[in-house]
């Protein structure tokens, strides 16, 4: 699981059959200081996030399992919207 910021949307008129109705968003992974920490990528949104939201994402198999029906062809999924995040400095 990782933190990211939603920075855009993707419009796809054609998708895999079992992805109909799923929203695709562009996310930018962020580090503990909320600074960019990775490459932009597209994630399917199951948490109803919007542009500018800080979100939690999962990748790989976990992303595919986050969507009903399971095993849709995705590499990343937004599973939550972050209200706040606190941790002890490293």
C-alpha atoms as a PDB file:
ATOM      1  CA  UNK A   1       0.000   0.000   0.000  1.00  0.00           C
ATOM      2  CA  UNK A   2       1.248   3.500  -0.738  1.00  0.00           C
ATOM      3  CA  UNK A   3       0.150   7.119  -0.530  1.00  0.00           C
ATOM      4  CA  UNK A   4      -0.540   9.118  -3.676  1.00  0.00           C
ATOM      5  CA  UNK A   5      -2.186  12.314  -4.857  1.00  0.00           C
ATOM      6  CA  UNK A   6      -4.851  12.355  -7.565  1.00  0.00           C
ATOM      7  CA  UNK A   7      -3.727  14.761 -10.274  1.00  0.00           C
ATOM      8  CA  UNK A   8      -6.003  13.986 -13.205  1.00  0.00           C
ATOM      9  CA  UNK A   9      -8.528  11.790 -14.924  1.00  0.00           C
ATOM     10  CA  UNK A  10      -8.448   9.358 -17.819  1.00  0.00           C
ATOM     11  CA  UNK A  11     -11.323   9.032 -20.262  1.00  0.00           C
ATOM     12  CA  UNK A  12     -11.454   5.704 -22.075  1.00  0.00           C
ATOM     13  CA  UNK A  13     -14.327   5.096 -24.458  1.00  0.00           C
ATOM     14  CA  UNK A  14     -13.355   1.435 -24.766  1.00  0.00           C
ATOM     15  CA  UNK A  15     -12.239  -0.718 -21.845  1.00  0.00           C
ATOM     16  CA  UNK A  16     -12.119  -4.404 -20.979  1.00  0.00           C
ATOM     17  CA  UNK A  17     -15.688  -5.711 -20.643  1.00  0.00           C
ATOM     18  CA  UNK A  18     -15.487  -6.235 -16.878  1.00  0.00           C
ATOM     19  CA  UNK A  19     -14.224  -2.657 -16.329  1.00  0.00           C
ATOM     20  CA  UNK A  20     -17.398  -0.964 -17.534  1.00  0.00           C
ATOM     21  CA  UNK A  21     -18.388   1.866 -15.191  1.00  0.00           C
ATOM     22  CA  UNK A  22     -15.026   2.028 -13.385  1.00  0.00           C
ATOM     23  CA  UNK A  23     -13.415   5.476 -13.042  1.00  0.00           C
ATOM     24  CA  UNK A  24      -9.729   5.831 -13.975  1.00  0.00           C
ATOM     25  CA  UNK A  25      -7.577   8.497 -12.316  1.00  0.00           C
ATOM     26  CA  UNK A  26      -3.973   9.629 -12.742  1.00  0.00           C
ATOM     27  CA  UNK A  27      -2.079   9.381  -9.443  1.00  0.00           C
ATOM     28  CA  UNK A  28       1.335  10.554  -8.307  1.00  0.00           C
ATOM     29  CA  UNK A  29       2.944   8.580  -5.442  1.00  0.00           C
ATOM     30  CA  UNK A  30       4.104  10.783  -2.556  1.00  0.00           C
ATOM     31  CA  UNK A  31       6.569  10.323   0.318  1.00  0.00           C
ATOM     32  CA  UNK A  32       6.044  11.031   4.014  1.00  0.00           C
ATOM     33  CA  UNK A  33       6.529  14.756   3.359  1.00  0.00           C
ATOM     34  CA  UNK A  34       3.852  14.668   0.625  1.00  0.00           C
ATOM     35  CA  UNK A  35       6.488  15.263  -2.057  1.00  0.00           C
ATOM     36  CA  UNK A  36       6.394  13.342  -5.371  1.00  0.00           C
ATOM     37  CA  UNK A  37       7.987   9.916  -4.974  1.00  0.00           C
ATOM     38  CA  UNK A  38       7.536   7.861  -8.115  1.00  0.00           C
ATOM     39  CA  UNK A  39       6.153   7.849 -11.597  1.00  0.00           C
ATOM     40  CA  UNK A  40       2.676   8.958 -12.565  1.00  0.00           C
ATOM     41  CA  UNK A  41       0.328   6.082 -13.296  1.00  0.00           C
ATOM     42  CA  UNK A  42      -3.343   5.295 -13.792  1.00  0.00           C
ATOM     43  CA  UNK A  43      -5.365   3.703 -10.990  1.00  0.00           C
ATOM     44  CA  UNK A  44      -8.929   2.474 -10.977  1.00  0.00           C
ATOM     45  CA  UNK A  45     -10.961   4.314  -8.322  1.00  0.00           C
ATOM     46  CA  UNK A  46     -13.077   2.283  -5.897  1.00  0.00           C
ATOM     47  CA  UNK A  47     -13.128   5.021  -3.193  1.00  0.00           C
ATOM     48  CA  UNK A  48     -14.838   7.839  -5.138  1.00  0.00           C
ATOM     49  CA  UNK A  49     -11.752  10.088  -5.003  1.00  0.00           C
ATOM     50  CA  UNK A  50     -11.413  13.370  -6.821  1.00  0.00           C
ATOM     51  CA  UNK A  51      -8.653  15.524  -8.231  1.00  0.00           C
ATOM     52  CA  UNK A  52      -6.365  16.850  -5.481  1.00  0.00           C
ATOM     53  CA  UNK A  53      -7.298  14.143  -2.955  1.00  0.00           C
ATOM     54  CA  UNK A  54      -4.564  12.290  -1.103  1.00  0.00           C
ATOM     55  CA  UNK A  55      -5.348   8.597  -1.397  1.00  0.00           C
ATOM     56  CA  UNK A  56      -4.143   5.139  -0.444  1.00  0.00           C
ATOM     57  CA  UNK A  57      -3.416   2.795  -3.315  1.00  0.00           C
ATOM     58  CA  UNK A  58      -2.538  -0.854  -3.772  1.00  0.00           C
ATOM     59  CA  UNK A  59      -0.786  -2.429  -6.720  1.00  0.00           C
ATOM     60  CA  UNK A  60      -0.446  -5.748  -8.515  1.00  0.00           C
ATOM     61  CA  UNK A  61      -2.704  -8.598  -7.459  1.00  0.00           C
ATOM     62  CA  UNK A  62      -4.153  -6.595  -4.578  1.00  0.00           C
ATOM     63  CA  UNK A  63      -5.381  -3.989  -7.066  1.00  0.00           C
ATOM     64  CA  UNK A  64      -7.173  -6.616  -9.114  1.00  0.00           C
ATOM     65  CA  UNK A  65      -8.779  -8.054  -5.952  1.00  0.00           C
ATOM     66  CA  UNK A  66     -10.056  -4.630  -4.830  1.00  0.00           C
ATOM     67  CA  UNK A  67     -12.599  -4.558  -7.650  1.00  0.00           C
ATOM     68  CA  UNK A  68     -15.734  -6.609  -8.153  1.00  0.00           C
ATOM     69  CA  UNK A  69     -15.629  -8.881  -9.990  1.00  0.00           C
ATOM     70  CA  UNK A  70     -12.122  -9.816  -8.923  1.00  0.00           C
ATOM     71  CA  UNK A  71      -9.196 -10.128 -11.298  1.00  0.00           C
ATOM     72  CA  UNK A  72      -9.900  -7.237 -13.612  1.00  0.00           C
ATOM     73  CA  UNK A  73      -6.840  -6.247 -15.681  1.00  0.00           C
ATOM     74  CA  UNK A  74      -5.474  -3.413 -13.522  1.00  0.00           C
ATOM     75  CA  UNK A  75      -2.088  -2.671 -11.922  1.00  0.00           C
ATOM     76  CA  UNK A  76      -3.221  -0.054  -9.362  1.00  0.00           C
ATOM     77  CA  UNK A  77      -6.372   0.727  -7.393  1.00  0.00           C
ATOM     78  CA  UNK A  78      -7.364   3.613  -5.146  1.00  0.00           C
ATOM     79  CA  UNK A  79      -8.821   2.021  -2.021  1.00  0.00           C
ATOM     80  CA  UNK A  80      -9.204   4.990   0.338  1.00  0.00           C
ATOM     81  CA  UNK A  81      -9.188   8.757   0.714  1.00  0.00           C
ATOM     82  CA  UNK A  82      -6.744   9.994   3.377  1.00  0.00           C
ATOM     83  CA  UNK A  83      -8.032  12.499   5.942  1.00  0.00           C
ATOM     84  CA  UNK A  84      -4.731  12.696   7.827  1.00  0.00           C
ATOM     85  CA  UNK A  85      -1.538  10.691   8.227  1.00  0.00           C
ATOM     86  CA  UNK A  86       0.776  10.821  11.263  1.00  0.00           C
ATOM     87  CA  UNK A  87       3.927   8.847  11.910  1.00  0.00           C
ATOM     88  CA  UNK A  88       7.091   8.965  13.955  1.00  0.00           C
ATOM     89  CA  UNK A  89      10.059  10.442  12.036  1.00  0.00           C
ATOM     90  CA  UNK A  90      12.581   7.878  10.822  1.00  0.00           C
END
